[in-house]
């Protein structure tokens, strides 16, 4: 685990110089004439400074949580999540694994990913990491690589971007963030399209003041555990797992109250002593 983390950090730090120039160039390309200095250069500079400062925290959290993840079920520490970033380009988002190995995907009726307090796919350490957002800490490596920003819209899955309506795709005009306007003002408790509306508002109003406000409110939101989970609703089961199983396993969609959750519990690997 430590070797993998060291390699990831080495790759990220080795690319800082290139990423900083490339990131600034991309931001400038977005608004070559109307973009503010902060949008064109300042935001990337802040990302690099915060990303570098966070490396000791990333190392400590990964070491401690990684040991707990391994101890609980022996599975992989990281979940390398495919997400859609700037201009619709896909990238690998680093996360600490919070779900059981081979856990299938659960989807809400609006197409967003299910994230409920009763989710049987979560491991014990995973539930703790979700509540405290510690599973997101490795994304500071994504920030240093230039895939993400510290503050920005939370990235979506490819299938979710295909469900955007109206002007919601505007959120792809900026880099996704570790935290964001929608993430601190409602978080998962808001309906998905309401969160997308807040993302669009952020994109249209980016400023140093707004980013600073979101950044500092993040701590209050995390500590208060506001909106960690989605509101009550039906989940639809899909076949795409967080960690692909050795052999394909098919799951039928079921949209009855509690039925899908109960069937997921039956399909998950049994606990071992």
Protein backbone atom coordinates (compact mmCIF):
# COMPACT_ATOMS: atom_id res chain seq x y z
CA UNK A 1 0.00 0.00 0.00
CA UNK A 2 2.74 2.47 0.96
CA UNK A 3 4.59 1.78 -2.30
CA UNK A 4 1.43 2.50 -4.32
CA UNK A 5 0.82 5.72 -2.42
CA UNK A 6 4.45 6.76 -2.86
CA UNK A 7 4.24 6.09 -6.58
CA UNK A 8 1.02 8.08 -6.89
CA UNK A 9 2.55 11.02 -5.01
CA UNK A 10 5.69 10.84 -7.13
CA UNK A 11 3.67 10.93 -10.34
CA UNK A 12 1.60 13.84 -9.07
CA UNK A 13 4.51 15.94 -7.84
CA UNK A 14 6.58 15.20 -10.93
CA UNK A 15 3.83 16.65 -13.06
CA UNK A 16 3.18 19.77 -10.98
CA UNK A 17 5.22 22.11 -13.15
CA UNK A 18 3.64 20.86 -16.35
CA UNK A 19 0.19 20.71 -14.81
CA UNK A 20 0.42 24.25 -13.49
CA UNK A 21 1.28 25.62 -16.91
CA UNK A 22 -1.24 23.35 -18.63
CA UNK A 23 -3.93 24.13 -16.08
CA UNK A 24 -3.45 27.85 -16.47
CA UNK A 25 -3.53 27.49 -20.25
CA UNK A 26 -6.78 25.52 -20.10
CA UNK A 27 -8.39 28.06 -17.78
CA UNK A 28 -7.24 30.88 -20.04
CA UNK A 29 -8.65 29.04 -23.05
CA UNK A 30 -12.03 28.88 -21.34
CA UNK A 31 -12.19 32.65 -21.04
CA UNK A 32 -9.37 34.04 -23.19
CA UNK A 33 -10.63 37.61 -23.02
CA UNK A 34 -13.32 37.80 -20.31
CA UNK A 35 -11.89 35.46 -17.69
CA UNK A 36 -10.69 37.16 -14.51
CA UNK A 37 -7.03 36.83 -13.48
CA UNK A 38 -8.18 34.52 -10.70
CA UNK A 39 -9.97 32.21 -13.14
CA UNK A 40 -7.05 32.21 -15.57
CA UNK A 41 -4.11 31.87 -13.17
CA UNK A 42 -4.98 32.42 -9.51
CA UNK A 43 -7.22 29.39 -9.08
CA UNK A 44 -4.55 26.99 -10.34
CA UNK A 45 -1.93 28.61 -8.11
CA UNK A 46 -4.19 28.12 -5.07
CA UNK A 47 -4.78 24.50 -6.07
CA UNK A 48 -1.07 23.76 -6.21
CA UNK A 49 -0.37 25.47 -2.88
CA UNK A 50 -3.19 23.64 -1.07
CA UNK A 51 -2.37 20.37 -2.82
CA UNK A 52 1.26 20.45 -1.70
CA UNK A 53 0.30 21.41 1.85
CA UNK A 54 -2.14 18.50 1.98
CA UNK A 55 0.38 15.76 1.11
CA UNK A 56 1.26 14.90 4.75
CA UNK A 57 -2.47 14.61 5.51
CA UNK A 58 -3.02 12.44 2.43
CA UNK A 59 -0.20 10.13 3.52
CA UNK A 60 -1.40 9.85 7.13
CA UNK A 61 -5.08 9.29 6.27
CA UNK A 62 -4.23 6.73 3.58
CA UNK A 63 -1.92 4.80 5.91
CA UNK A 64 -4.42 4.64 8.78
CA UNK A 65 -7.61 4.10 6.78
CA UNK A 66 -5.81 1.81 4.35
CA UNK A 67 -4.75 -0.48 7.19
CA UNK A 68 -8.34 -0.56 8.47
CA UNK A 69 -9.69 -1.36 4.98
CA UNK A 70 -7.22 -4.22 4.56
CA UNK A 71 -7.93 -5.53 8.04
CA UNK A 72 -11.70 -5.60 7.50
CA UNK A 73 -11.95 -7.59 4.28
CA UNK A 74 -8.50 -7.89 2.73
CA UNK A 75 -9.62 -6.08 -0.43
CA UNK A 76 -7.92 -3.22 -2.30
CA UNK A 77 -7.38 0.07 -0.48
CA UNK A 78 -8.14 2.34 -3.42
CA UNK A 79 -11.14 2.62 -5.69
CA UNK A 80 -10.00 4.31 -8.89
CA UNK A 81 -13.28 5.87 -9.96
CA UNK A 82 -13.87 6.87 -13.60
CA UNK A 83 -15.38 10.35 -13.70
CA UNK A 84 -16.08 13.09 -16.26
CA UNK A 85 -14.10 16.30 -15.91
CA UNK A 86 -13.31 19.48 -17.81
CA UNK A 87 -14.97 19.63 -21.26
CA UNK A 88 -16.35 16.11 -20.81
CA UNK A 89 -12.92 14.46 -20.66
CA UNK A 90 -12.88 11.31 -18.54
CA UNK A 91 -10.25 10.82 -15.84
CA UNK A 92 -9.51 8.50 -12.93
CA UNK A 93 -10.54 9.94 -9.57
CA UNK A 94 -8.72 8.53 -6.55
CA UNK A 95 -10.79 7.38 -3.59
CA UNK A 96 -10.32 5.13 -0.59
CA UNK A 97 -12.60 2.13 -1.04
CA UNK A 98 -15.70 2.40 1.15
CA UNK A 99 -17.76 -0.45 -0.32
CA UNK A 100 -17.51 -4.21 -0.23
CA UNK A 101 -15.61 -5.85 -3.07
CA UNK A 102 -17.82 -6.65 -6.09
CA UNK A 103 -20.64 -4.42 -4.77
CA UNK A 104 -23.17 -3.68 -7.56
CA UNK A 105 -24.26 -0.18 -8.45
CA UNK A 106 -27.50 1.31 -7.12
CA UNK A 107 -29.17 4.13 -9.03
CA UNK A 108 -31.88 6.57 -7.94
CA UNK A 109 -34.93 7.18 -10.11
CA UNK A 110 -33.42 10.45 -11.35
CA UNK A 111 -30.31 8.61 -12.56
CA UNK A 112 -27.95 9.68 -9.76
CA UNK A 113 -25.99 7.18 -7.70
CA UNK A 114 -27.62 5.93 -4.50
CA UNK A 115 -25.90 6.95 -1.27
CA UNK A 116 -28.07 6.14 1.73
CA UNK A 117 -27.46 5.51 5.41
CA UNK A 118 -28.92 2.00 5.00
CA UNK A 119 -26.64 1.11 2.09
CA UNK A 120 -25.62 -2.53 2.71
CA UNK A 121 -22.72 -2.25 0.29
CA UNK A 122 -20.64 -0.13 2.66
CA UNK A 123 -18.01 -1.67 4.90
CA UNK A 124 -17.79 -0.63 8.54
CA UNK A 125 -14.73 1.55 7.97
CA UNK A 126 -16.35 2.72 4.73
CA UNK A 127 -19.39 4.05 6.58
CA UNK A 128 -17.08 6.04 8.87
CA UNK A 129 -15.08 7.39 5.94
CA UNK A 130 -18.26 8.43 4.14
CA UNK A 131 -19.54 10.38 7.15
CA UNK A 132 -16.22 12.16 7.62
CA UNK A 133 -15.38 12.44 3.87
CA UNK A 134 -11.99 10.82 4.53
CA UNK A 135 -12.48 8.60 1.47
CA UNK A 136 -12.12 11.74 -0.68
CA UNK A 137 -8.74 12.80 0.73
CA UNK A 138 -6.66 11.10 -2.03
CA UNK A 139 -8.24 13.48 -4.54
CA UNK A 140 -5.67 16.08 -3.58
CA UNK A 141 -3.41 13.99 -5.84
CA UNK A 142 -5.90 14.61 -8.65
CA UNK A 143 -5.62 18.33 -7.89
CA UNK A 144 -1.84 18.24 -8.23
CA UNK A 145 -2.14 16.30 -11.48
CA UNK A 146 -4.47 18.97 -12.86
CA UNK A 147 -7.54 16.71 -13.20
CA UNK A 148 -9.44 18.52 -10.46
CA UNK A 149 -9.56 21.74 -8.47
CA UNK A 150 -9.92 22.08 -4.71
CA UNK A 151 -13.25 23.88 -5.23
CA UNK A 152 -15.57 23.06 -8.11
CA UNK A 153 -18.61 20.98 -9.06
CA UNK A 154 -18.39 17.39 -7.86
CA UNK A 155 -17.62 15.12 -10.85
CA UNK A 156 -20.26 12.80 -12.29
CA UNK A 157 -20.20 9.40 -13.93
CA UNK A 158 -20.38 9.21 -17.72
CA UNK A 159 -23.91 7.78 -17.60
CA UNK A 160 -25.00 10.68 -15.37
CA UNK A 161 -23.74 13.31 -17.82
CA UNK A 162 -25.99 11.74 -20.47
CA UNK A 163 -28.98 12.67 -18.29
CA UNK A 164 -28.16 16.39 -18.06
CA UNK A 165 -31.04 18.70 -18.96
CA UNK A 166 -31.07 22.30 -20.21
CA UNK A 167 -27.94 24.19 -19.16
CA UNK A 168 -26.72 21.58 -16.66
CA UNK A 169 -23.81 20.60 -18.93
CA UNK A 170 -22.26 24.00 -18.13
CA UNK A 171 -20.75 22.40 -15.04
CA UNK A 172 -18.28 20.71 -17.41
CA UNK A 173 -16.85 24.14 -18.36
CA UNK A 174 -14.66 24.06 -15.26
CA UNK A 175 -12.59 21.44 -13.49
CA UNK A 176 -14.49 19.33 -10.96
CA UNK A 177 -13.66 19.88 -7.31
CA UNK A 178 -13.01 17.98 -4.10
CA UNK A 179 -15.59 20.26 -2.52
CA UNK A 180 -18.07 22.57 -4.17
CA UNK A 181 -20.94 24.99 -3.82
CA UNK A 182 -23.58 22.24 -4.08
CA UNK A 183 -21.52 20.00 -1.79
CA UNK A 184 -21.69 22.45 1.11
CA UNK A 185 -25.16 23.90 0.48
CA UNK A 186 -27.29 20.78 0.58
CA UNK A 187 -24.86 18.01 -0.25
CA UNK A 188 -26.59 14.69 -1.02
CA UNK A 189 -29.80 15.70 0.79
CA UNK A 190 -30.82 17.80 -2.23
CA UNK A 191 -32.39 16.21 -5.34
CA UNK A 192 -29.75 15.63 -7.99
CA UNK A 193 -31.02 18.22 -10.49
CA UNK A 194 -31.15 20.82 -7.71
CA UNK A 195 -27.48 20.12 -7.02
CA UNK A 196 -26.75 20.51 -10.72
CA UNK A 197 -28.47 23.91 -10.67
CA UNK A 198 -26.16 24.98 -7.85
CA UNK A 199 -23.18 23.73 -9.86
CA UNK A 200 -24.22 25.91 -12.80
CA UNK A 201 -24.61 28.89 -10.47
CA UNK A 202 -21.06 28.32 -9.24
CA UNK A 203 -19.65 28.10 -12.77
CA UNK A 204 -21.26 31.43 -13.66
CA UNK A 205 -20.03 33.15 -10.50
CA UNK A 206 -16.49 31.86 -9.89
CA UNK A 207 -14.38 34.20 -7.79
CA UNK A 208 -11.73 34.00 -5.11
CA UNK A 209 -14.28 35.16 -2.54
CA UNK A 210 -16.76 32.43 -3.49
CA UNK A 211 -14.08 29.74 -3.49
CA UNK A 212 -12.83 30.86 -0.08
CA UNK A 213 -16.40 30.81 1.27
CA UNK A 214 -16.98 27.28 -0.02
CA UNK A 215 -13.57 26.08 1.20
CA UNK A 216 -14.09 27.20 4.79
CA UNK A 217 -17.74 26.15 4.92
CA UNK A 218 -16.63 22.66 3.91
CA UNK A 219 -15.13 22.11 7.37
CA UNK A 220 -18.39 23.07 9.11
CA UNK A 221 -20.41 20.85 6.74
CA UNK A 222 -18.15 17.84 7.27
CA UNK A 223 -17.98 18.20 11.04
CA UNK A 224 -21.76 18.65 11.32
CA UNK A 225 -22.28 15.74 8.88
CA UNK A 226 -25.00 17.70 7.08
CA UNK A 227 -26.60 16.04 4.06
CA UNK A 228 -24.22 13.08 3.97
CA UNK A 229 -26.89 10.78 2.59
CA UNK A 230 -29.61 11.08 -0.02
CA UNK A 231 -33.20 11.65 1.05
CA UNK A 232 -35.48 8.64 1.17
CA UNK A 233 -36.31 7.31 -2.29
CA UNK A 234 -36.37 4.22 -4.44
CA UNK A 235 -33.12 2.80 -5.73
CA UNK A 236 -32.79 0.83 -8.95
CA UNK A 237 -30.21 -1.91 -9.09
CA UNK A 238 -27.71 -1.95 -11.96
CA UNK A 239 -25.12 -4.47 -13.04
CA UNK A 240 -22.07 -2.18 -12.96
CA UNK A 241 -20.06 -2.94 -9.79
CA UNK A 242 -17.67 -0.62 -7.98
CA UNK A 243 -15.00 -3.31 -8.27
CA UNK A 244 -15.61 -5.69 -11.24
CA UNK A 245 -15.99 -9.33 -10.12
CA UNK A 246 -13.89 -12.14 -11.55
CA UNK A 247 -16.99 -13.50 -13.30
CA UNK A 248 -19.92 -11.40 -14.59
CA UNK A 249 -22.98 -11.39 -12.35
CA UNK A 250 -26.35 -10.12 -13.51
CA UNK A 251 -28.88 -8.30 -11.35
CA UNK A 252 -32.46 -7.54 -12.32
CA UNK A 253 -33.77 -4.04 -11.71
CA UNK A 254 -36.35 -3.79 -8.97
CA UNK A 255 -38.08 -0.61 -7.91
CA UNK A 256 -40.20 -1.61 -4.93
CA UNK A 257 -39.76 -0.06 -1.49
CA UNK A 258 -36.82 -1.77 0.18
CA UNK A 259 -36.88 -4.70 -2.26
CA UNK A 260 -33.75 -3.70 -4.13
CA UNK A 261 -31.81 -3.05 -0.93
CA UNK A 262 -32.84 -6.41 0.52
CA UNK A 263 -31.80 -8.27 -2.63
CA UNK A 264 -28.45 -6.49 -2.66
CA UNK A 265 -27.85 -7.72 0.89
CA UNK A 266 -28.51 -11.27 -0.26
CA UNK A 267 -26.10 -10.99 -3.21
CA UNK A 268 -23.18 -9.47 -1.30
CA UNK A 269 -20.39 -11.76 -0.06
CA UNK A 270 -21.14 -13.21 3.37
CA UNK A 271 -19.25 -11.87 6.38
CA UNK A 272 -16.44 -14.09 7.51
CA UNK A 273 -15.44 -14.66 11.10
